[in-house]
Amino acid sequence: MAKALRRKQYIAQDVEMIRSAAYEKLSGNAVKLLILMQTHWRLYEPIAYSVTEAQKSA
């Protein structure tokens, strides 16, 4: 039996946002946190990502 193909997931970031002055001022850890929060984002649901989880990832 063939192995089921797993669908890859991607995170999209708006180029305008990345080029903004505010984004450029973010620290490396802040950018990582933003990306990690995006992995937990779901339409119509609050982001369930704790400070403790963020600290473990940094």
N, C-alpha and C. Protein backbone atom coordinates (compact mmCIF):
# COMPACT_ATOMS: atom_id res chain seq x y z
N MET A 1 0.84 -1.18 0.00
CA MET A 1 0.00 0.00 0.00
C MET A 1 0.88 1.24 0.00
N ALA A 2 0.56 2.17 -0.84
CA ALA A 2 1.35 3.40 -0.98
C ALA A 2 1.16 4.30 0.24
N LYS A 3 2.24 4.97 0.60
CA LYS A 3 2.21 5.90 1.72
C LYS A 3 1.39 7.14 1.33
N ALA A 4 0.55 7.60 2.22
CA ALA A 4 -0.28 8.78 1.94
C ALA A 4 0.61 10.02 1.83
N LEU A 5 0.36 10.83 0.82
CA LEU A 5 1.11 12.06 0.64
C LEU A 5 0.62 13.09 1.64
N ARG A 6 1.55 13.71 2.32
CA ARG A 6 1.21 14.73 3.30
C ARG A 6 1.25 16.09 2.63
N ARG A 7 0.20 16.86 2.83
CA ARG A 7 0.13 18.19 2.23
C ARG A 7 1.00 19.15 3.03
N LYS A 8 1.87 19.88 2.35
CA LYS A 8 2.74 20.85 3.01
C LYS A 8 1.95 22.10 3.36
N GLN A 9 2.34 22.71 4.46
CA GLN A 9 1.72 23.95 4.87
C GLN A 9 2.72 25.08 4.70
N TYR A 10 2.22 26.25 4.35
CA TYR A 10 3.07 27.40 4.11
C TYR A 10 2.56 28.61 4.88
N ILE A 11 3.46 29.52 5.17
CA ILE A 11 3.10 30.79 5.80
C ILE A 11 3.39 31.88 4.80
N ALA A 12 2.41 32.74 4.56
CA ALA A 12 2.60 33.86 3.64
C ALA A 12 2.75 35.14 4.45
N GLN A 13 3.72 35.94 4.05
CA GLN A 13 3.89 37.25 4.67
C GLN A 13 3.84 38.31 3.57
N ASP A 14 3.08 39.34 3.84
CA ASP A 14 2.90 40.43 2.89
C ASP A 14 4.22 41.17 2.69
N VAL A 15 4.63 41.34 1.44
CA VAL A 15 5.88 42.02 1.12
C VAL A 15 5.85 43.46 1.63
N GLU A 16 4.71 44.11 1.53
CA GLU A 16 4.58 45.48 2.03
C GLU A 16 4.88 45.55 3.52
N MET A 17 4.40 44.54 4.26
CA MET A 17 4.66 44.50 5.69
C MET A 17 6.16 44.29 5.96
N ILE A 18 6.77 43.38 5.24
CA ILE A 18 8.20 43.08 5.44
C ILE A 18 9.06 44.31 5.13
N ARG A 19 8.65 45.11 4.19
CA ARG A 19 9.41 46.31 3.81
C ARG A 19 9.10 47.53 4.68
N SER A 20 8.14 47.38 5.59
CA SER A 20 7.74 48.53 6.41
C SER A 20 8.82 48.87 7.43
N ALA A 21 8.83 50.12 7.86
CA ALA A 21 9.79 50.58 8.87
C ALA A 21 9.59 49.86 10.19
N ALA A 22 8.34 49.61 10.55
CA ALA A 22 8.04 48.93 11.81
C ALA A 22 8.61 47.51 11.82
N TYR A 23 8.46 46.79 10.70
CA TYR A 23 8.96 45.42 10.61
C TYR A 23 10.49 45.41 10.65
N GLU A 24 11.10 46.36 9.98
CA GLU A 24 12.57 46.44 9.96
C GLU A 24 13.14 46.71 11.35
N LYS A 25 12.36 47.35 12.22
CA LYS A 25 12.82 47.66 13.57
C LYS A 25 12.65 46.49 14.54
N LEU A 26 11.95 45.44 14.13
CA LEU A 26 11.72 44.30 15.01
C LEU A 26 13.04 43.57 15.28
N SER A 27 13.16 43.05 16.49
CA SER A 27 14.34 42.23 16.82
C SER A 27 14.20 40.86 16.15
N GLY A 28 15.26 40.12 16.13
CA GLY A 28 15.22 38.77 15.56
C GLY A 28 14.22 37.88 16.27
N ASN A 29 14.18 37.98 17.61
CA ASN A 29 13.22 37.18 18.37
C ASN A 29 11.78 37.59 18.09
N ALA A 30 11.55 38.88 17.86
CA ALA A 30 10.19 39.35 17.55
C ALA A 30 9.73 38.80 16.20
N VAL A 31 10.64 38.74 15.23
CA VAL A 31 10.29 38.18 13.91
C VAL A 31 9.97 36.69 14.05
N LYS A 32 10.79 35.98 14.84
CA LYS A 32 10.53 34.55 15.07
C LYS A 32 9.17 34.35 15.73
N LEU A 33 8.85 35.19 16.72
CA LEU A 33 7.58 35.09 17.41
C LEU A 33 6.42 35.34 16.44
N LEU A 34 6.56 36.32 15.58
CA LEU A 34 5.53 36.61 14.59
C LEU A 34 5.28 35.39 13.70
N ILE A 35 6.34 34.76 13.24
CA ILE A 35 6.21 33.57 12.39
C ILE A 35 5.57 32.42 13.17
N LEU A 36 6.01 32.20 14.41
CA LEU A 36 5.44 31.13 15.21
C LEU A 36 3.96 31.37 15.49
N MET A 37 3.60 32.63 15.73
CA MET A 37 2.18 32.95 15.95
C MET A 37 1.37 32.67 14.69
N GLN A 38 1.95 32.91 13.53
CA GLN A 38 1.25 32.64 12.28
C GLN A 38 0.99 31.14 12.11
N THR A 39 1.86 30.29 12.65
CA THR A 39 1.63 28.85 12.54
C THR A 39 0.44 28.41 13.39
N HIS A 40 0.07 29.21 14.38
CA HIS A 40 -1.06 28.89 15.25
C HIS A 40 -2.34 29.62 14.84
N TRP A 41 -2.27 30.48 13.82
CA TRP A 41 -3.42 31.27 13.42
C TRP A 41 -4.45 30.41 12.69
N ARG A 42 -5.70 30.58 13.06
CA ARG A 42 -6.82 29.92 12.38
C ARG A 42 -7.92 30.95 12.17
N LEU A 43 -8.53 30.90 11.04
CA LEU A 43 -9.62 31.82 10.72
C LEU A 43 -10.74 31.66 11.75
N TYR A 44 -11.20 32.74 12.29
CA TYR A 44 -12.31 32.80 13.24
C TYR A 44 -11.99 32.19 14.60
N GLU A 45 -10.71 32.03 14.93
CA GLU A 45 -10.34 31.52 16.24
C GLU A 45 -9.22 32.38 16.82
N PRO A 46 -9.23 32.61 18.13
CA PRO A 46 -8.11 33.35 18.72
C PRO A 46 -6.83 32.51 18.64
N ILE A 47 -5.70 33.18 18.63
CA ILE A 47 -4.43 32.48 18.59
C ILE A 47 -4.18 31.85 19.95
N ALA A 48 -4.02 30.56 19.98
CA ALA A 48 -3.77 29.83 21.23
C ALA A 48 -2.26 29.57 21.32
N TYR A 49 -1.54 30.59 21.73
CA TYR A 49 -0.08 30.49 21.82
C TYR A 49 0.35 31.23 23.06
N SER A 50 0.90 30.53 24.03
CA SER A 50 1.21 31.15 25.31
C SER A 50 2.59 31.79 25.33
N VAL A 51 2.81 32.64 26.30
CA VAL A 51 4.11 33.28 26.50
C VAL A 51 5.15 32.21 26.80
N THR A 52 4.77 31.20 27.55
CA THR A 52 5.68 30.11 27.89
C THR A 52 6.13 29.37 26.63
N GLU A 53 5.20 29.09 25.72
CA GLU A 53 5.55 28.44 24.46
C GLU A 53 6.51 29.31 23.65
N ALA A 54 6.25 30.59 23.65
CA ALA A 54 7.11 31.52 22.90
C ALA A 54 8.51 31.55 23.48
N GLN A 55 8.62 31.54 24.80
CA GLN A 55 9.93 31.56 25.44
C GLN A 55 10.72 30.29 25.15
N LYS A 56 10.03 29.16 25.06
CA LYS A 56 10.70 27.90 24.74
C LYS A 56 11.23 27.91 23.32
N SER A 57 10.54 28.60 22.41
CA SER A 57 10.93 28.63 21.00
C SER A 57 12.03 29.64 20.70
N ALA A 58 12.17 30.64 21.55
CA ALA A 58 13.14 31.70 21.29
C ALA A 58 14.56 31.27 21.55
